[in-house]
Protein backbone atom coordinates (compact mmCIF):
# COMPACT_ATOMS: atom_id res chain seq x y z
CA UNK A 1 94.94 104.50 88.47
CA UNK A 2 96.50 107.95 88.74
CA UNK A 3 98.93 108.75 91.57
CA UNK A 4 99.45 112.23 92.99
CA UNK A 5 102.32 112.82 95.45
CA UNK A 6 101.80 115.04 98.47
CA UNK A 7 103.40 118.43 98.92
CA UNK A 8 106.61 117.94 100.95
CA UNK A 9 106.00 118.35 104.66
CA UNK A 10 107.17 121.59 106.32
CA UNK A 11 110.50 121.42 108.15
CA UNK A 12 111.25 118.10 106.48
CA UNK A 13 114.98 118.89 106.45
CA UNK A 14 114.87 119.67 110.19
CA UNK A 15 113.22 116.31 110.89
CA UNK A 16 115.91 114.46 108.91
CA UNK A 17 118.68 116.41 110.68
CA UNK A 18 117.26 115.59 114.09
CA UNK A 19 116.93 111.93 113.08
CA UNK A 20 120.62 111.81 112.10
CA UNK A 21 121.66 113.58 115.31
CA UNK A 22 119.71 111.04 117.39
CA UNK A 23 121.41 108.22 115.47
CA UNK A 24 124.85 109.69 116.13
CA UNK A 25 124.06 110.38 119.79
CA UNK A 26 122.75 106.87 120.39
CA UNK A 27 125.83 105.37 118.73
CA UNK A 28 128.15 107.48 120.87
CA UNK A 29 126.39 106.47 124.09
CA UNK A 30 126.55 102.83 122.93
CA UNK A 31 130.35 103.07 122.77
CA UNK A 32 130.38 104.83 126.15
CA UNK A 33 128.22 102.06 127.60
CA UNK A 34 130.52 99.38 126.20
CA UNK A 35 133.44 100.79 128.22
CA UNK A 36 131.44 101.18 131.44
CA UNK A 37 131.80 98.46 134.13
CA UNK A 38 128.65 96.97 135.69
CA UNK A 39 127.10 99.24 138.26
CA UNK A 40 124.67 102.14 138.68
CA UNK A 41 126.46 104.19 136.00
CA UNK A 42 126.00 101.34 133.48
CA UNK A 43 122.29 101.15 134.22
CA UNK A 44 121.85 104.90 133.82
CA UNK A 45 123.69 104.96 130.52
CA UNK A 46 121.75 101.94 129.30
CA UNK A 47 118.47 103.73 130.01
CA UNK A 48 119.80 106.75 128.11
CA UNK A 49 120.64 104.50 125.16
CA UNK A 50 117.11 103.06 125.21
CA UNK A 51 115.63 106.56 125.28
CA UNK A 52 117.76 107.79 122.38
CA UNK A 53 117.09 104.75 120.20
CA UNK A 54 113.40 104.96 121.04
CA UNK A 55 113.23 108.61 119.97
CA UNK A 56 115.21 107.76 116.85
CA UNK A 57 112.77 105.01 115.91
CA UNK A 58 109.71 107.14 116.70
CA UNK A 59 110.97 110.05 114.60
CA UNK A 60 111.95 107.75 111.74
CA UNK A 61 108.49 106.17 111.82
CA UNK A 62 106.78 109.56 111.51
CA UNK A 63 109.08 110.67 108.69
CA UNK A 64 108.34 107.39 106.92
CA UNK A 65 104.60 108.00 107.22
CA UNK A 66 104.93 111.50 105.77
CA UNK A 67 107.04 110.31 102.84
CA UNK A 68 104.64 107.45 102.12
CA UNK A 69 101.61 109.77 101.79
CA UNK A 70 100.04 109.45 98.34
CA UNK A 71 96.71 110.28 96.72
CA UNK A 72 95.56 107.64 94.24
CA UNK A 73 92.56 108.10 91.98
CA UNK A 74 90.78 105.42 89.96
CA UNK A 75 87.42 105.29 88.21
CA UNK A 76 85.34 105.00 91.38
CA UNK A 77 87.30 106.25 94.40
CA UNK A 78 89.99 108.50 95.79
CA UNK A 79 92.43 106.60 97.97
CA UNK A 80 94.58 108.43 100.51
CA UNK A 81 97.39 106.02 101.35
CA UNK A 82 100.20 105.91 103.86
CA UNK A 83 102.49 103.07 104.87
CA UNK A 84 100.00 101.87 107.50
CA UNK A 85 96.52 102.48 106.05
CA UNK A 86 94.38 103.60 103.14
CA UNK A 87 91.34 105.86 103.39
CA UNK A 88 88.91 105.08 100.56
CA UNK A 89 86.51 107.87 99.50
CA UNK A 90 83.94 106.83 96.84
CA UNK A 91 83.67 109.52 94.18
CA UNK A 92 79.82 109.66 94.30
CA UNK A 93 80.16 110.65 98.00
CA UNK A 94 82.13 113.80 97.15
CA UNK A 95 79.68 116.71 97.27
CA UNK A 96 82.05 119.66 96.88
CA UNK A 97 85.73 120.52 96.54
CA UNK A 98 87.18 123.83 97.75
CA UNK A 99 90.61 125.31 97.18
CA UNK A 100 91.70 126.96 99.43
CA UNK A 101 89.60 125.32 102.15
CA UNK A 102 86.74 127.25 103.70
CA UNK A 103 87.53 126.11 107.25
CA UNK A 104 90.61 126.44 109.37
CA UNK A 105 92.81 123.53 110.36
CA UNK A 106 95.03 123.31 113.38
CA UNK A 107 98.41 121.81 114.07
CA UNK A 108 98.74 118.72 116.20
CA UNK A 109 100.49 119.01 119.54
CA UNK A 110 104.28 119.40 119.55
CA UNK A 111 104.88 115.82 120.70
CA UNK A 112 103.25 114.59 117.48
CA UNK A 113 105.76 116.41 115.27
CA UNK A 114 106.54 115.73 112.50
CA UNK A 115 103.01 114.81 111.55
CA UNK A 116 100.09 115.74 109.35
CA UNK A 117 97.73 118.66 109.73
CA UNK A 118 94.34 117.91 111.22
CA UNK A 119 90.95 119.56 111.02
CA UNK A 120 89.29 119.92 114.43
CA UNK A 121 85.84 118.50 115.14
CA UNK A 122 85.82 116.29 112.07
CA UNK A 123 86.32 112.61 111.46
CA UNK A 124 88.21 110.88 110.02
CA UNK A 125 91.52 112.44 110.88
CA UNK A 126 92.91 114.48 108.05
CA UNK A 127 95.75 113.08 105.97
CA UNK A 128 97.54 116.18 104.71
CA UNK A 129 101.12 117.33 104.92
CA UNK A 130 100.95 121.11 104.58
CA UNK A 131 99.38 124.07 106.41
CA UNK A 132 95.67 124.67 105.69
CA UNK A 133 96.33 127.34 103.06
CA UNK A 134 97.95 124.68 100.86
CA UNK A 135 95.15 122.14 101.25
CA UNK A 136 92.13 121.06 99.26
CA UNK A 137 88.92 120.67 101.22
CA UNK A 138 86.75 117.73 100.17
CA UNK A 139 83.19 117.56 101.53
CA UNK A 140 81.84 114.03 101.56
CA UNK A 141 78.40 112.67 102.34
CA UNK A 142 79.44 109.94 104.77
CA UNK A 143 82.98 110.78 105.87
CA UNK A 144 82.69 114.46 106.72
CA UNK A 145 85.36 116.93 105.65
CA UNK A 146 88.76 115.73 104.44
CA UNK A 147 91.74 117.99 103.79
CA UNK A 148 94.45 116.81 101.40
CA UNK A 149 97.55 118.50 100.01
CA UNK A 150 98.59 117.10 96.62
CA UNK A 151 101.55 118.63 94.81
CA UNK A 152 99.27 119.19 91.76
CA UNK A 153 95.96 120.22 93.30
CA UNK A 154 94.28 121.51 90.12
CA UNK A 155 95.16 118.38 88.18
CA UNK A 156 93.67 116.21 90.92
CA UNK A 157 90.48 118.28 91.07
CA UNK A 158 90.03 118.07 87.31
CA UNK A 159 90.60 114.32 87.36
CA UNK A 160 88.03 113.83 90.14
CA UNK A 161 85.38 115.87 88.32
CA UNK A 162 86.05 114.09 85.03
CA UNK A 163 85.51 110.71 86.64
CA UNK A 164 82.39 111.89 88.44
CA UNK A 165 80.89 112.88 85.10
CA UNK A 166 81.51 109.38 83.76
CA UNK A 167 79.41 107.91 86.56
CA UNK A 168 80.34 104.98 88.86
CA UNK A 169 81.36 101.67 87.36
CA UNK A 170 80.79 99.93 90.69
CA UNK A 171 79.41 100.89 94.07
CA UNK A 172 82.03 101.20 96.81
CA UNK A 173 81.63 101.77 100.52
CA UNK A 174 83.79 104.30 102.38
CA UNK A 175 86.33 102.54 104.54
CA UNK A 176 89.75 102.67 106.12
CA UNK A 177 91.90 99.75 105.05
CA UNK A 178 94.84 98.65 107.20
CA UNK A 179 98.11 97.77 105.47
CA UNK A 180 98.74 93.99 105.14
CA UNK A 181 101.67 94.06 107.57
CA UNK A 182 99.35 95.56 110.21
CA UNK A 183 96.81 92.75 109.83
CA UNK A 184 98.83 90.14 111.71
CA UNK A 185 96.90 88.78 114.66
CA UNK A 186 99.56 89.95 117.13
CA UNK A 187 98.66 93.57 116.31
CA UNK A 188 95.01 92.89 117.15
CA UNK A 189 95.21 90.72 120.28
CA UNK A 190 95.87 92.64 123.50
CA UNK A 191 96.30 89.72 125.88
CA UNK A 192 99.28 88.15 124.05
CA UNK A 193 100.88 91.59 123.81
CA UNK A 194 100.38 92.12 127.54
CA UNK A 195 101.78 88.74 128.60
CA UNK A 196 104.81 88.87 126.32
CA UNK A 197 105.53 92.51 127.14
CA UNK A 198 105.22 92.11 130.93
CA UNK A 199 107.53 89.10 130.92
CA UNK A 200 110.10 91.02 128.85
CA UNK A 201 109.90 94.02 131.20
CA UNK A 202 110.28 91.76 134.23
CA UNK A 203 113.37 90.15 132.69
CA UNK A 204 114.84 93.55 131.93
CA UNK A 205 114.12 94.76 135.47
CA UNK A 206 115.83 91.74 137.02
CA UNK A 207 118.89 92.18 134.81
CA UNK A 208 119.23 95.90 135.51
CA UNK A 209 118.76 95.40 139.24
CA UNK A 210 121.51 92.77 139.27
CA UNK A 211 123.88 95.03 137.32
CA UNK A 212 123.10 97.92 139.68
CA UNK A 213 123.96 95.79 142.74
CA UNK A 214 126.96 94.04 141.20
CA UNK A 215 129.79 96.36 142.43
CA UNK A 216 128.70 95.90 146.05
CA UNK A 217 128.67 92.09 145.93
CA UNK A 218 131.41 90.07 147.66
CA UNK A 219 134.04 88.37 145.51
CA UNK A 220 132.44 84.97 146.21
CA UNK A 221 128.71 84.34 146.49
CA UNK A 222 126.93 81.51 148.24
CA UNK A 223 124.87 79.67 145.64
CA UNK A 224 123.56 76.80 147.78
CA UNK A 225 122.67 76.23 151.43
CA UNK A 226 122.37 72.97 153.38
CA UNK A 227 119.46 72.03 155.60
CA UNK A 228 120.91 74.04 158.47
CA UNK A 229 121.02 77.18 156.35
CA UNK A 230 124.82 77.13 156.06
CA UNK A 231 126.23 77.87 152.60
CA UNK A 232 127.98 74.83 151.12
CA UNK A 233 128.63 76.02 147.57
CA UNK A 234 130.38 79.20 146.50
CA UNK A 235 131.16 80.72 143.14
CA UNK A 236 132.68 83.98 141.83
CA UNK A 237 130.16 86.79 141.86
CA UNK A 238 130.10 86.89 138.06
CA UNK A 239 128.33 83.51 138.09
CA UNK A 240 125.18 85.29 139.29
CA UNK A 241 124.58 86.44 135.73
CA UNK A 242 123.69 82.87 134.81
CA UNK A 243 120.29 83.50 136.40
CA UNK A 244 119.12 86.23 133.96
CA UNK A 245 120.57 84.20 131.07
CA UNK A 246 118.42 81.22 132.08
CA UNK A 247 115.37 83.46 132.48
CA UNK A 248 116.04 85.01 129.05
CA UNK A 249 116.25 81.56 127.47
CA UNK A 250 112.94 80.55 129.09
CA UNK A 251 111.26 83.76 127.92
CA UNK A 252 112.57 83.38 124.36
CA UNK A 253 111.57 79.70 124.14
CA UNK A 254 108.06 80.22 125.51
CA UNK A 255 107.52 83.31 123.37
CA UNK A 256 108.56 81.62 120.11
CA UNK A 257 106.57 78.46 120.86
CA UNK A 258 103.52 80.51 121.79
CA UNK A 259 103.70 82.54 118.58
CA UNK A 260 104.03 79.34 116.58
CA UNK A 261 101.02 77.53 118.08
CA UNK A 262 98.72 80.47 118.86
CA UNK A 263 96.55 80.10 115.76
CA UNK A 264 95.95 76.41 116.52
CA UNK A 265 96.06 76.25 120.33
CA UNK A 266 95.36 79.67 121.80
CA UNK A 267 94.96 78.50 125.38
CA UNK A 268 98.26 76.62 125.26
CA UNK A 269 100.02 79.68 123.85
CA UNK A 270 98.57 81.92 126.56
CA UNK A 271 99.70 79.43 129.21
CA UNK A 272 103.23 79.41 127.76
CA UNK A 273 103.44 83.20 127.93
CA UNK A 274 101.94 83.25 131.42
CA UNK A 275 104.50 80.61 132.42
CA UNK A 276 107.34 82.80 131.14
CA UNK A 277 106.01 85.64 133.29
CA UNK A 278 105.76 83.34 136.32
CA UNK A 279 109.37 82.24 135.81
CA UNK A 280 110.45 85.89 135.93
CA UNK A 281 108.70 86.24 139.27
CA UNK A 282 110.41 83.09 140.56
CA UNK A 283 113.74 84.43 139.32
CA UNK A 284 113.22 87.61 141.30
CA UNK A 285 112.61 85.58 144.49
CA UNK A 286 115.75 83.50 143.87
CA UNK A 287 117.80 86.63 143.23
CA UNK A 288 116.66 88.21 146.48
CA UNK A 289 117.69 85.08 148.39
CA UNK A 290 121.14 84.93 146.76
CA UNK A 291 122.12 88.57 147.10
CA UNK A 292 123.41 89.63 150.51
């Protein structure tokens, strides 16, 4: 199998610089957050930290995809690979190759940067990393038009034509193959994702709400009431944080157990995750009753 690297993506240095700046900014806000007492300011800075780390991860993911782009050629197919998938194009399906391409390609929207170039009105999406003038256009019988941008375009074209002249050794079907790490069942099942994610968001919301209200709480909180509704147990206001800790432990336990048994007992796993979500709702009710 022959491997052909892609032409380096435009503004690659800018993407790396922005990634490093986001890393530094998120680290700085982390230190700022560490020195902030509980209250509205802490919540606001926490949300800023989440935003910065999220952008940092998103940008790093896209840079990783661009750097993982490769074109691999064997006897029977051209494989366009990234870290998450492989597009397989059987060589007998290739009708024509043009360089430069005969059609125009367009840039994805700014919020997709840094990303690949795409050809409009064609499927599958194009896996290239340069403007259209640097691309090779491949016309296929069953996959439409594909634009690629190898660093050695003429060498790749010659290799494709040489293998086409040899004839196919085996018949392959065009397909998009997902990387092994993307084949885990959790990536495919929406209901487990929804239950686990909603419970986590509910836990986060309860915690942030409590931190937001914390400065306005009295020094001692009533934690228990007798039958007449009179408080008979008090504790320092910091003890209220035991509630989100208990809810976090329940969420973690149910989530791990559900992931462990899902392949064998799907209904039981779904009930565990639904139970974790129900506990978050119960925790919210308890919190509303405890806070003045």
